[in-house]
């Protein structure tokens, strides 16, 4: 039933079909963050709470040409990678050297090994020889799951590919050889709690 107003104008009756219903504000928090953002935030938390000192390695770049239209507005016009980078992150935790590569995929059933490079595998082999702890963090962004795999357990999949075998790791294989890192608030991806189970 519509109620008339003193000015004589008819009141429009709003229905679900005629007017969008306002939903409660939905807080999606940090959905959509990349694995790198999650790890950088986690490492900042570890550093602030003196749990570990772990940083993302800068990519070595040789700057060749820079334009200076204004002193405060320099623009890099040409640059080259000096050398292949090794892994994404390194640092120290409980007196142990950590070194790891982090990759993500939108695939839901397997992780493509083409995301990794031979020089990264060689680098992590050298870390193991020096008694450091090398590992791989893989994110299935479509599934919202992240895994930590010790490098000694990851390497056989790479070697299988190198000898002509499968060019990816199935989700089931990864689950069998890895530990899932739970998402949290602070820290975002508490991978050190997983590493604690190995020491």
N, C-alpha and C. Protein backbone atom coordinates (compact mmCIF):
# COMPACT_ATOMS: atom_id res chain seq x y z
N UNK A 1 0.84 -1.18 0.00
CA UNK A 1 0.00 0.00 0.00
C UNK A 1 0.88 1.24 0.00
N UNK A 2 0.62 2.19 -0.93
CA UNK A 2 1.38 3.42 -1.01
C UNK A 2 0.72 4.49 -0.15
N UNK A 3 1.53 5.27 0.53
CA UNK A 3 1.01 6.34 1.37
C UNK A 3 1.27 7.65 0.67
N UNK A 4 0.21 8.50 0.57
CA UNK A 4 0.36 9.79 -0.09
C UNK A 4 0.98 10.81 0.85
N UNK A 5 1.66 11.78 0.27
CA UNK A 5 2.26 12.86 1.04
C UNK A 5 1.43 14.12 0.87
N UNK A 6 1.54 15.08 1.83
CA UNK A 6 0.72 16.30 1.77
C UNK A 6 0.90 17.10 0.48
N UNK A 7 2.05 16.99 -0.20
CA UNK A 7 2.25 17.76 -1.42
C UNK A 7 1.52 17.15 -2.62
N UNK A 8 0.86 16.02 -2.42
CA UNK A 8 0.06 15.41 -3.48
C UNK A 8 0.82 14.47 -4.39
N UNK A 9 2.14 14.42 -4.27
CA UNK A 9 2.93 13.53 -5.13
C UNK A 9 2.86 12.11 -4.61
N UNK A 10 2.80 11.20 -5.56
CA UNK A 10 2.76 9.80 -5.17
C UNK A 10 4.15 9.34 -4.77
N UNK A 11 4.18 8.53 -3.76
CA UNK A 11 5.46 7.96 -3.29
C UNK A 11 5.76 6.72 -4.13
N UNK A 12 6.99 6.64 -4.59
CA UNK A 12 7.39 5.45 -5.35
C UNK A 12 7.61 4.32 -4.37
N UNK A 13 7.03 3.20 -4.67
CA UNK A 13 7.23 2.02 -3.83
C UNK A 13 8.46 1.29 -4.35
N UNK A 14 9.45 1.11 -3.49
CA UNK A 14 10.69 0.45 -3.90
C UNK A 14 10.59 -1.04 -3.64
N UNK A 15 10.91 -1.78 -4.66
CA UNK A 15 10.93 -3.23 -4.53
C UNK A 15 12.32 -3.73 -4.87
N UNK A 16 12.53 -4.98 -4.59
CA UNK A 16 13.83 -5.59 -4.92
C UNK A 16 14.10 -5.51 -6.42
N UNK A 17 13.03 -5.61 -7.23
CA UNK A 17 13.21 -5.60 -8.68
C UNK A 17 13.48 -4.21 -9.24
N UNK A 18 12.91 -3.18 -8.60
CA UNK A 18 13.04 -1.84 -9.16
C UNK A 18 14.25 -1.07 -8.67
N UNK A 19 14.71 -1.37 -7.47
CA UNK A 19 15.82 -0.63 -6.89
C UNK A 19 16.83 -1.61 -6.31
N UNK A 20 18.10 -1.40 -6.58
CA UNK A 20 19.10 -2.30 -5.99
C UNK A 20 19.05 -2.23 -4.48
N UNK A 21 19.06 -3.38 -3.85
CA UNK A 21 19.05 -3.44 -2.40
C UNK A 21 20.48 -3.27 -1.91
N UNK A 22 20.65 -2.36 -0.95
CA UNK A 22 22.01 -2.14 -0.43
C UNK A 22 22.40 -3.30 0.47
N UNK A 23 23.53 -3.89 0.16
CA UNK A 23 24.04 -4.96 1.01
C UNK A 23 24.88 -4.38 2.12
N UNK A 24 25.06 -5.15 3.15
CA UNK A 24 25.99 -4.73 4.20
C UNK A 24 27.37 -4.64 3.59
N UNK A 25 28.18 -3.77 4.13
CA UNK A 25 29.55 -3.63 3.64
C UNK A 25 30.29 -4.94 3.84
N UNK A 26 30.84 -5.47 2.78
CA UNK A 26 31.61 -6.70 2.87
C UNK A 26 33.08 -6.35 2.89
N UNK A 27 33.77 -6.83 3.90
CA UNK A 27 35.20 -6.56 4.01
C UNK A 27 35.95 -7.75 3.44
N UNK A 28 36.56 -7.53 2.28
CA UNK A 28 37.30 -8.61 1.65
C UNK A 28 38.74 -8.66 2.11
N UNK A 29 39.07 -7.81 3.08
CA UNK A 29 40.42 -7.84 3.64
C UNK A 29 41.47 -7.70 2.58
N UNK A 30 42.34 -8.70 2.50
CA UNK A 30 43.46 -8.62 1.58
C UNK A 30 43.34 -9.62 0.46
N UNK A 31 42.10 -9.91 0.06
CA UNK A 31 41.92 -10.80 -1.09
C UNK A 31 42.56 -10.17 -2.31
N UNK A 32 43.14 -10.98 -3.15
CA UNK A 32 43.72 -10.44 -4.37
C UNK A 32 45.17 -10.04 -4.25
N UNK A 33 45.71 -10.13 -3.04
CA UNK A 33 47.13 -9.81 -2.89
C UNK A 33 47.94 -10.90 -3.58
N UNK A 34 49.05 -10.50 -4.15
CA UNK A 34 49.90 -11.48 -4.80
C UNK A 34 50.72 -12.22 -3.74
N UNK A 35 51.29 -13.34 -4.14
CA UNK A 35 52.14 -14.09 -3.23
C UNK A 35 53.30 -13.22 -2.75
N UNK A 36 53.88 -12.45 -3.67
CA UNK A 36 55.00 -11.58 -3.29
C UNK A 36 54.58 -10.57 -2.22
N UNK A 37 53.41 -9.96 -2.39
CA UNK A 37 52.92 -9.00 -1.39
C UNK A 37 52.70 -9.68 -0.05
N UNK A 38 52.12 -10.88 -0.08
CA UNK A 38 51.89 -11.63 1.16
C UNK A 38 53.20 -11.93 1.87
N UNK A 39 54.20 -12.37 1.10
CA UNK A 39 55.49 -12.71 1.70
C UNK A 39 56.23 -11.47 2.21
N UNK A 40 56.17 -10.38 1.45
CA UNK A 40 56.83 -9.16 1.90
C UNK A 40 56.21 -8.65 3.20
N UNK A 41 54.90 -8.73 3.29
CA UNK A 41 54.20 -8.32 4.51
C UNK A 41 54.58 -9.24 5.68
N UNK A 42 54.65 -10.53 5.40
CA UNK A 42 55.03 -11.51 6.43
C UNK A 42 56.45 -11.24 6.91
N UNK A 43 57.37 -11.00 5.98
CA UNK A 43 58.76 -10.75 6.36
C UNK A 43 58.91 -9.47 7.16
N UNK A 44 58.10 -8.45 6.84
CA UNK A 44 58.12 -7.20 7.61
C UNK A 44 57.65 -7.47 9.04
N UNK A 45 56.65 -8.34 9.18
CA UNK A 45 56.16 -8.72 10.51
C UNK A 45 57.25 -9.46 11.29
N UNK A 46 57.91 -10.42 10.63
CA UNK A 46 58.98 -11.16 11.28
C UNK A 46 60.09 -10.23 11.76
N UNK A 47 60.45 -9.27 10.92
CA UNK A 47 61.52 -8.33 11.27
C UNK A 47 61.10 -7.45 12.44
N UNK A 48 59.88 -6.92 12.39
CA UNK A 48 59.39 -6.03 13.45
C UNK A 48 59.30 -6.74 14.79
N UNK A 49 59.03 -8.04 14.76
CA UNK A 49 58.91 -8.82 16.00
C UNK A 49 60.17 -9.62 16.32
N UNK A 50 61.25 -9.31 15.59
CA UNK A 50 62.56 -9.91 15.81
C UNK A 50 62.54 -11.44 15.77
N UNK A 51 61.73 -11.98 14.87
CA UNK A 51 61.68 -13.43 14.69
C UNK A 51 62.70 -13.90 13.67
N UNK A 52 62.92 -13.09 12.62
CA UNK A 52 63.85 -13.47 11.56
C UNK A 52 64.19 -12.22 10.76
N UNK A 53 65.30 -12.32 10.01
CA UNK A 53 65.69 -11.25 9.10
C UNK A 53 65.72 -11.86 7.70
N UNK A 54 64.65 -11.62 6.94
CA UNK A 54 64.50 -12.21 5.61
C UNK A 54 64.04 -11.11 4.66
N UNK A 55 64.73 -10.98 3.52
CA UNK A 55 64.42 -9.92 2.58
C UNK A 55 64.30 -10.46 1.16
N UNK A 56 63.55 -9.74 0.35
CA UNK A 56 63.50 -10.05 -1.08
C UNK A 56 64.76 -9.49 -1.72
N UNK A 57 65.38 -10.32 -2.54
CA UNK A 57 66.61 -9.88 -3.20
C UNK A 57 66.28 -8.94 -4.35
N UNK A 58 67.00 -7.84 -4.47
CA UNK A 58 66.77 -6.97 -5.63
C UNK A 58 67.29 -7.64 -6.90
N UNK A 59 66.59 -7.40 -8.00
CA UNK A 59 67.03 -7.93 -9.29
C UNK A 59 68.16 -7.06 -9.82
N UNK A 60 69.32 -7.66 -10.13
CA UNK A 60 70.45 -6.85 -10.62
C UNK A 60 70.18 -6.31 -12.02
N UNK A 61 70.12 -4.98 -12.12
CA UNK A 61 69.80 -4.32 -13.39
C UNK A 61 70.87 -3.30 -13.73
N UNK A 62 71.27 -3.26 -15.00
CA UNK A 62 72.22 -2.26 -15.50
C UNK A 62 71.41 -1.19 -16.23
N UNK A 63 71.40 0.03 -15.69
CA UNK A 63 70.68 1.13 -16.34
C UNK A 63 71.57 1.72 -17.42
N UNK A 64 71.03 1.83 -18.64
CA UNK A 64 71.81 2.29 -19.79
C UNK A 64 71.46 3.73 -20.16
N UNK A 65 70.16 4.05 -20.16
CA UNK A 65 69.77 5.39 -20.60
C UNK A 65 68.65 5.93 -19.71
N UNK A 66 68.84 7.18 -19.27
CA UNK A 66 67.85 7.85 -18.42
C UNK A 66 67.55 9.22 -19.02
N UNK A 67 66.26 9.56 -19.08
CA UNK A 67 65.84 10.90 -19.51
C UNK A 67 65.54 11.74 -18.28
N UNK A 68 65.98 12.99 -18.32
CA UNK A 68 65.76 13.92 -17.22
C UNK A 68 64.95 15.13 -17.69
N UNK A 69 63.63 14.96 -17.95
CA UNK A 69 62.86 16.13 -18.36
C UNK A 69 62.83 17.19 -17.26
N UNK A 70 62.80 16.71 -16.02
CA UNK A 70 62.92 17.58 -14.84
C UNK A 70 63.82 16.84 -13.86
N UNK A 71 64.45 17.60 -13.02
CA UNK A 71 65.34 16.96 -12.05
C UNK A 71 64.60 15.95 -11.16
N UNK A 72 63.37 16.29 -10.82
CA UNK A 72 62.60 15.43 -9.93
C UNK A 72 61.82 14.35 -10.67
N UNK A 73 61.99 14.28 -11.99
CA UNK A 73 61.18 13.35 -12.78
C UNK A 73 62.04 12.54 -13.75
N UNK A 74 63.07 11.89 -13.23
CA UNK A 74 63.94 11.07 -14.08
C UNK A 74 63.19 9.82 -14.52
N UNK A 75 63.37 9.44 -15.79
CA UNK A 75 62.71 8.26 -16.33
C UNK A 75 63.74 7.33 -16.96
N UNK A 76 63.74 6.07 -16.50
CA UNK A 76 64.64 5.07 -17.09
C UNK A 76 64.08 4.65 -18.44
N UNK A 77 64.86 4.84 -19.48
CA UNK A 77 64.41 4.52 -20.84
C UNK A 77 64.96 3.19 -21.35
N UNK A 78 66.12 2.76 -20.81
CA UNK A 78 66.72 1.51 -21.28
C UNK A 78 67.51 0.89 -20.14
N UNK A 79 67.27 -0.40 -19.91
CA UNK A 79 67.98 -1.12 -18.84
C UNK A 79 68.02 -2.60 -19.20
N UNK A 80 69.02 -3.28 -18.67
CA UNK A 80 69.19 -4.71 -18.93
C UNK A 80 69.49 -5.44 -17.64
N UNK A 81 69.07 -6.71 -17.60
CA UNK A 81 69.45 -7.54 -16.47
C UNK A 81 70.95 -7.81 -16.56
N UNK A 82 71.67 -7.55 -15.47
CA UNK A 82 73.12 -7.77 -15.46
C UNK A 82 73.44 -9.25 -15.56
N UNK A 83 72.68 -10.04 -14.82
CA UNK A 83 72.92 -11.48 -14.75
C UNK A 83 71.63 -12.14 -14.30
N UNK A 84 71.48 -13.43 -14.50
CA UNK A 84 70.26 -14.08 -14.01
C UNK A 84 70.21 -13.99 -12.48
N UNK A 85 69.06 -13.63 -11.95
CA UNK A 85 68.94 -13.57 -10.50
C UNK A 85 68.91 -14.99 -9.95
N UNK A 86 69.20 -15.14 -8.69
CA UNK A 86 69.21 -16.48 -8.10
C UNK A 86 67.81 -16.84 -7.62
N UNK A 87 67.53 -16.65 -6.35
CA UNK A 87 66.18 -16.92 -5.83
C UNK A 87 65.58 -15.62 -5.33
N UNK A 88 64.33 -15.68 -4.94
CA UNK A 88 63.62 -14.45 -4.55
C UNK A 88 64.00 -13.92 -3.18
N UNK A 89 64.17 -14.81 -2.20
CA UNK A 89 64.33 -14.37 -0.81
C UNK A 89 65.49 -15.09 -0.13
N UNK A 90 66.11 -14.39 0.82
CA UNK A 90 67.09 -15.04 1.68
C UNK A 90 67.18 -14.30 3.01
N UNK A 91 67.75 -14.98 3.99
CA UNK A 91 67.89 -14.37 5.30
C UNK A 91 68.33 -15.37 6.35
N UNK A 92 68.15 -14.98 7.59
CA UNK A 92 68.60 -15.80 8.72
C UNK A 92 67.45 -15.99 9.71
N UNK A 93 67.31 -17.24 10.16
CA UNK A 93 66.30 -17.58 11.16
C UNK A 93 66.88 -18.60 12.12
N UNK A 94 66.90 -18.26 13.41
CA UNK A 94 67.43 -19.14 14.45
C UNK A 94 68.83 -19.64 14.11
N UNK A 95 69.66 -18.76 13.58
CA UNK A 95 71.03 -19.09 13.25
C UNK A 95 71.21 -19.91 11.99
N UNK A 96 70.14 -20.10 11.25
CA UNK A 96 70.18 -20.91 10.03
C UNK A 96 69.95 -20.01 8.82
N UNK A 97 70.75 -20.22 7.78
CA UNK A 97 70.58 -19.45 6.54
C UNK A 97 69.41 -20.03 5.75
N UNK A 98 68.47 -19.16 5.36
CA UNK A 98 67.32 -19.57 4.56
C UNK A 98 67.43 -18.95 3.17
N UNK A 99 67.01 -19.71 2.17
CA UNK A 99 67.03 -19.22 0.80
C UNK A 99 65.86 -19.88 0.08
N UNK A 100 65.00 -19.08 -0.55
CA UNK A 100 63.86 -19.72 -1.21
C UNK A 100 63.34 -18.94 -2.41
N UNK A 101 62.66 -19.69 -3.25
CA UNK A 101 62.01 -19.15 -4.45
C UNK A 101 60.51 -19.24 -4.22
N UNK A 102 59.78 -18.21 -4.65
CA UNK A 102 58.33 -18.18 -4.49
C UNK A 102 57.67 -17.98 -5.86
N UNK A 103 56.73 -18.86 -6.17
CA UNK A 103 56.04 -18.79 -7.47
C UNK A 103 54.55 -19.04 -7.26
N UNK A 104 53.75 -18.47 -8.18
CA UNK A 104 52.32 -18.75 -8.12
C UNK A 104 51.76 -19.08 -9.49
N UNK A 105 50.62 -19.78 -9.48
CA UNK A 105 49.96 -20.17 -10.71
C UNK A 105 48.45 -20.05 -10.53
N UNK A 106 47.75 -19.88 -11.65
CA UNK A 106 46.28 -19.88 -11.61
C UNK A 106 45.74 -21.27 -11.91
N UNK A 107 46.64 -22.20 -12.29
CA UNK A 107 46.22 -23.59 -12.54
C UNK A 107 45.62 -24.17 -11.27
N UNK A 108 44.71 -25.11 -11.45
CA UNK A 108 44.06 -25.72 -10.28
C UNK A 108 44.50 -27.15 -10.03
N UNK A 109 45.15 -27.79 -11.01
CA UNK A 109 45.48 -29.21 -10.87
C UNK A 109 46.96 -29.51 -10.89
N UNK A 110 47.79 -28.55 -11.37
CA UNK A 110 49.23 -28.81 -11.43
C UNK A 110 50.00 -27.50 -11.41
N UNK A 111 51.30 -27.62 -11.08
CA UNK A 111 52.17 -26.45 -11.04
C UNK A 111 53.22 -26.59 -12.14
N UNK A 112 53.23 -25.66 -13.12
CA UNK A 112 54.19 -25.79 -14.23
C UNK A 112 55.63 -25.52 -13.78
N UNK A 113 56.51 -26.44 -14.10
CA UNK A 113 57.93 -26.29 -13.74
C UNK A 113 58.63 -25.25 -14.60
N UNK A 114 57.98 -24.81 -15.68
CA UNK A 114 58.57 -23.76 -16.52
C UNK A 114 58.68 -22.44 -15.77
N UNK A 115 58.01 -22.33 -14.63
CA UNK A 115 58.12 -21.13 -13.79
C UNK A 115 59.49 -21.01 -13.16
N UNK A 116 60.23 -22.10 -13.12
CA UNK A 116 61.56 -22.12 -12.50
C UNK A 116 62.64 -22.16 -13.57
N UNK A 117 63.88 -21.84 -13.18
CA UNK A 117 64.99 -21.77 -14.13
C UNK A 117 66.16 -22.61 -13.63
N UNK A 118 66.94 -23.16 -14.57
CA UNK A 118 68.07 -24.02 -14.18
C UNK A 118 69.04 -23.34 -13.20
N UNK A 119 69.34 -22.05 -13.40
CA UNK A 119 70.30 -21.39 -12.50
C UNK A 119 69.75 -21.30 -11.07
N UNK A 120 68.42 -21.26 -10.93
CA UNK A 120 67.84 -21.25 -9.58
C UNK A 120 68.01 -22.61 -8.91
N UNK A 121 67.85 -23.66 -9.69
CA UNK A 121 68.04 -25.01 -9.15
C UNK A 121 69.50 -25.21 -8.71
N UNK A 122 70.42 -24.75 -9.55
CA UNK A 122 71.85 -24.87 -9.21
C UNK A 122 72.18 -24.08 -7.95
N UNK A 123 71.61 -22.90 -7.86
CA UNK A 123 71.85 -22.05 -6.68
C UNK A 123 71.38 -22.76 -5.41
N UNK A 124 70.17 -23.34 -5.44
CA UNK A 124 69.65 -23.99 -4.24
C UNK A 124 70.42 -25.27 -3.91
N UNK A 125 70.95 -25.94 -4.92
CA UNK A 125 71.83 -27.10 -4.66
C UNK A 125 73.06 -26.64 -3.87
N UNK A 126 73.62 -25.50 -4.26
CA UNK A 126 74.79 -24.96 -3.55
C UNK A 126 74.46 -24.60 -2.11
N UNK A 127 73.26 -24.10 -1.89
CA UNK A 127 72.82 -23.75 -0.53
C UNK A 127 72.80 -25.02 0.33
N UNK A 128 72.26 -26.10 -0.20
CA UNK A 128 72.21 -27.35 0.55
C UNK A 128 73.61 -27.86 0.88
N UNK A 129 74.54 -27.71 -0.06
CA UNK A 129 75.92 -28.16 0.17
C UNK A 129 76.58 -27.41 1.32
N UNK A 130 76.16 -26.17 1.54
CA UNK A 130 76.71 -25.35 2.63
C UNK A 130 75.88 -25.45 3.90
N UNK A 131 74.98 -26.44 3.95
CA UNK A 131 74.14 -26.69 5.12
C UNK A 131 73.13 -25.58 5.39
N UNK A 132 72.78 -24.83 4.34
CA UNK A 132 71.69 -23.87 4.47
C UNK A 132 70.36 -24.58 4.25
N UNK A 133 69.28 -23.87 4.46
CA UNK A 133 67.95 -24.45 4.26
C UNK A 133 67.31 -23.79 3.05
N UNK A 134 67.17 -24.54 1.96
CA UNK A 134 66.56 -24.04 0.73
C UNK A 134 65.19 -24.67 0.56
N UNK A 135 64.26 -23.88 0.06
CA UNK A 135 62.91 -24.40 -0.14
C UNK A 135 62.19 -23.59 -1.20
N UNK A 136 61.01 -24.08 -1.56
CA UNK A 136 60.18 -23.45 -2.58
C UNK A 136 58.80 -23.21 -1.98
N UNK A 137 58.27 -22.02 -2.21
CA UNK A 137 56.88 -21.72 -1.82
C UNK A 137 56.08 -21.58 -3.10
N UNK A 138 55.01 -22.38 -3.21
CA UNK A 138 54.16 -22.35 -4.39
C UNK A 138 52.74 -21.99 -3.99
N UNK A 139 52.14 -21.11 -4.78
CA UNK A 139 50.78 -20.68 -4.50
C UNK A 139 49.86 -21.06 -5.66
N UNK A 140 48.75 -21.70 -5.33
CA UNK A 140 47.68 -21.94 -6.30
C UNK A 140 46.65 -20.85 -6.04
N UNK A 141 46.80 -19.72 -6.73
CA UNK A 141 45.98 -18.54 -6.42
C UNK A 141 44.49 -18.79 -6.64
N UNK A 142 44.13 -19.62 -7.61
CA UNK A 142 42.71 -19.90 -7.86
C UNK A 142 42.08 -20.73 -6.75
N UNK A 143 42.91 -21.51 -6.07
CA UNK A 143 42.42 -22.36 -4.98
C UNK A 143 42.61 -21.71 -3.61
N UNK A 144 43.45 -20.67 -3.56
CA UNK A 144 43.71 -20.01 -2.28
C UNK A 144 44.55 -20.85 -1.33
N UNK A 145 45.47 -21.65 -1.89
CA UNK A 145 46.33 -22.48 -1.05
C UNK A 145 47.80 -22.24 -1.40
N UNK A 146 48.64 -22.32 -0.38
CA UNK A 146 50.08 -22.09 -0.53
C UNK A 146 50.82 -23.23 0.14
N UNK A 147 51.86 -23.73 -0.54
CA UNK A 147 52.63 -24.85 -0.01
C UNK A 147 54.11 -24.49 0.13
N UNK A 148 54.74 -25.09 1.14
CA UNK A 148 56.19 -24.99 1.31
C UNK A 148 56.76 -26.37 1.05
N UNK A 149 57.72 -26.44 0.14
CA UNK A 149 58.37 -27.71 -0.21
C UNK A 149 59.86 -27.57 0.00
N UNK A 150 60.43 -28.44 0.84
CA UNK A 150 61.88 -28.44 1.01
C UNK A 150 62.53 -28.69 -0.35
N UNK A 151 63.66 -28.05 -0.59
CA UNK A 151 64.27 -28.18 -1.91
C UNK A 151 64.68 -29.61 -2.21
N UNK A 152 65.15 -30.36 -1.21
CA UNK A 152 65.56 -31.74 -1.46
C UNK A 152 64.38 -32.61 -1.91
N UNK A 153 63.15 -32.18 -1.58
CA UNK A 153 61.96 -32.91 -2.02
C UNK A 153 61.41 -32.36 -3.33
N UNK A 154 61.77 -31.13 -3.65
CA UNK A 154 61.33 -30.50 -4.89
C UNK A 154 62.22 -30.90 -6.07
N UNK A 155 63.51 -31.04 -5.80
CA UNK A 155 64.50 -31.31 -6.84
C UNK A 155 64.18 -32.53 -7.71
N UNK A 156 63.69 -33.65 -7.15
CA UNK A 156 63.38 -34.81 -8.01
C UNK A 156 62.36 -34.50 -9.11
N UNK A 157 61.42 -33.59 -8.85
CA UNK A 157 60.45 -33.23 -9.88
C UNK A 157 61.13 -32.48 -11.02
N UNK A 158 62.09 -31.61 -10.66
CA UNK A 158 62.85 -30.89 -11.68
C UNK A 158 63.71 -31.86 -12.50
N UNK A 159 64.36 -32.79 -11.81
CA UNK A 159 65.21 -33.77 -12.49
C UNK A 159 64.39 -34.69 -13.40
N UNK A 160 63.18 -35.01 -12.98
CA UNK A 160 62.27 -35.82 -13.81
C UNK A 160 61.98 -35.08 -15.12
N UNK A 161 61.71 -33.77 -15.03
CA UNK A 161 61.44 -32.98 -16.22
C UNK A 161 62.68 -32.90 -17.11
N UNK A 162 63.83 -32.69 -16.49
CA UNK A 162 65.08 -32.57 -17.24
C UNK A 162 65.41 -33.84 -18.02
N UNK A 163 64.95 -34.98 -17.51
CA UNK A 163 65.22 -36.24 -18.20
C UNK A 163 64.08 -36.63 -19.14
N UNK A 164 63.23 -35.66 -19.46
CA UNK A 164 62.18 -35.90 -20.46
C UNK A 164 60.82 -36.25 -19.90
N UNK A 165 60.68 -36.17 -18.58
CA UNK A 165 59.40 -36.52 -17.96
C UNK A 165 58.43 -35.36 -17.90
N UNK A 166 57.44 -35.51 -17.07
CA UNK A 166 56.36 -34.53 -16.90
C UNK A 166 56.90 -33.13 -16.63
N UNK A 167 56.28 -32.12 -17.25
CA UNK A 167 56.75 -30.74 -17.13
C UNK A 167 56.01 -29.95 -16.06
N UNK A 168 55.32 -30.67 -15.20
CA UNK A 168 54.62 -30.01 -14.11
C UNK A 168 54.54 -30.97 -12.93
N UNK A 169 54.19 -30.40 -11.77
CA UNK A 169 53.96 -31.21 -10.57
C UNK A 169 52.47 -31.21 -10.33
N UNK A 170 51.86 -32.37 -10.21
CA UNK A 170 50.42 -32.40 -9.95
C UNK A 170 50.16 -31.88 -8.54
N UNK A 171 48.96 -31.39 -8.33
CA UNK A 171 48.57 -30.90 -7.01
C UNK A 171 48.72 -32.01 -5.97
N UNK A 172 48.35 -33.22 -6.35
CA UNK A 172 48.45 -34.35 -5.42
C UNK A 172 49.91 -34.63 -5.04
N UNK A 173 50.81 -34.57 -6.03
CA UNK A 173 52.23 -34.78 -5.76
C UNK A 173 52.77 -33.70 -4.81
N UNK A 174 52.37 -32.47 -5.08
CA UNK A 174 52.84 -31.37 -4.25
C UNK A 174 52.33 -31.52 -2.82
N UNK A 175 51.07 -31.89 -2.68
CA UNK A 175 50.50 -32.08 -1.34
C UNK A 175 51.22 -33.19 -0.58
N UNK A 176 51.62 -34.24 -1.30
CA UNK A 176 52.29 -35.38 -0.66
C UNK A 176 53.70 -35.05 -0.21
N UNK A 177 54.35 -34.07 -0.83
CA UNK A 177 55.75 -33.74 -0.53
C UNK A 177 55.94 -32.38 0.11
N UNK A 178 54.83 -31.73 0.48
CA UNK A 178 54.90 -30.37 1.00
C UNK A 178 54.03 -30.21 2.22
N UNK A 179 54.12 -29.02 2.82
CA UNK A 179 53.24 -28.67 3.92
C UNK A 179 52.52 -27.39 3.54
N UNK A 180 51.23 -27.36 3.82
CA UNK A 180 50.43 -26.19 3.49
C UNK A 180 50.70 -25.08 4.52
N UNK A 181 50.87 -23.86 4.01
CA UNK A 181 51.06 -22.70 4.89
C UNK A 181 49.69 -22.06 5.08
N UNK A 182 49.21 -22.01 6.31
CA UNK A 182 47.88 -21.41 6.52
C UNK A 182 47.92 -19.89 6.39
N UNK A 183 46.85 -19.32 5.85
CA UNK A 183 46.71 -17.87 5.81
C UNK A 183 46.30 -17.38 7.19
N UNK A 184 46.83 -16.23 7.58
CA UNK A 184 46.47 -15.62 8.85
C UNK A 184 46.44 -14.12 8.70
N UNK A 185 46.34 -13.43 9.83
CA UNK A 185 46.32 -11.97 9.80
C UNK A 185 47.73 -11.44 10.02
N UNK A 186 48.31 -11.76 11.14
CA UNK A 186 49.69 -11.35 11.45
C UNK A 186 50.44 -12.53 12.05
N UNK A 187 51.34 -13.12 11.33
CA UNK A 187 51.75 -12.82 9.96
C UNK A 187 50.78 -13.39 8.93
N UNK A 188 50.85 -12.86 7.74
CA UNK A 188 49.93 -13.25 6.66
C UNK A 188 50.13 -14.71 6.25
N UNK A 189 51.39 -15.10 6.00
CA UNK A 189 51.73 -16.49 5.65
C UNK A 189 52.85 -16.94 6.57
N UNK A 190 52.51 -17.58 7.65
CA UNK A 190 53.50 -17.92 8.67
C UNK A 190 54.31 -19.15 8.28
N UNK A 191 55.21 -18.96 7.32
CA UNK A 191 56.00 -20.09 6.84
C UNK A 191 57.06 -20.53 7.83
N UNK A 192 57.45 -19.65 8.77
CA UNK A 192 58.44 -20.05 9.78
C UNK A 192 57.88 -21.16 10.69
N UNK A 193 56.57 -21.15 10.91
CA UNK A 193 55.99 -22.22 11.74
C UNK A 193 56.13 -23.57 11.05
N UNK A 194 56.16 -23.57 9.72
CA UNK A 194 56.38 -24.81 8.96
C UNK A 194 57.86 -25.20 9.06
N UNK A 195 58.74 -24.22 8.92
CA UNK A 195 60.18 -24.49 8.99
C UNK A 195 60.56 -25.04 10.36
N UNK A 196 59.88 -24.58 11.40
CA UNK A 196 60.14 -25.10 12.76
C UNK A 196 59.98 -26.61 12.83
N UNK A 197 59.10 -27.17 12.01
CA UNK A 197 58.88 -28.62 12.06
C UNK A 197 60.04 -29.40 11.43
N UNK A 198 60.90 -28.71 10.68
CA UNK A 198 62.04 -29.38 10.04
C UNK A 198 63.30 -29.31 10.89
N UNK A 199 63.39 -28.38 11.80
CA UNK A 199 64.63 -28.22 12.60
C UNK A 199 64.52 -29.03 13.88
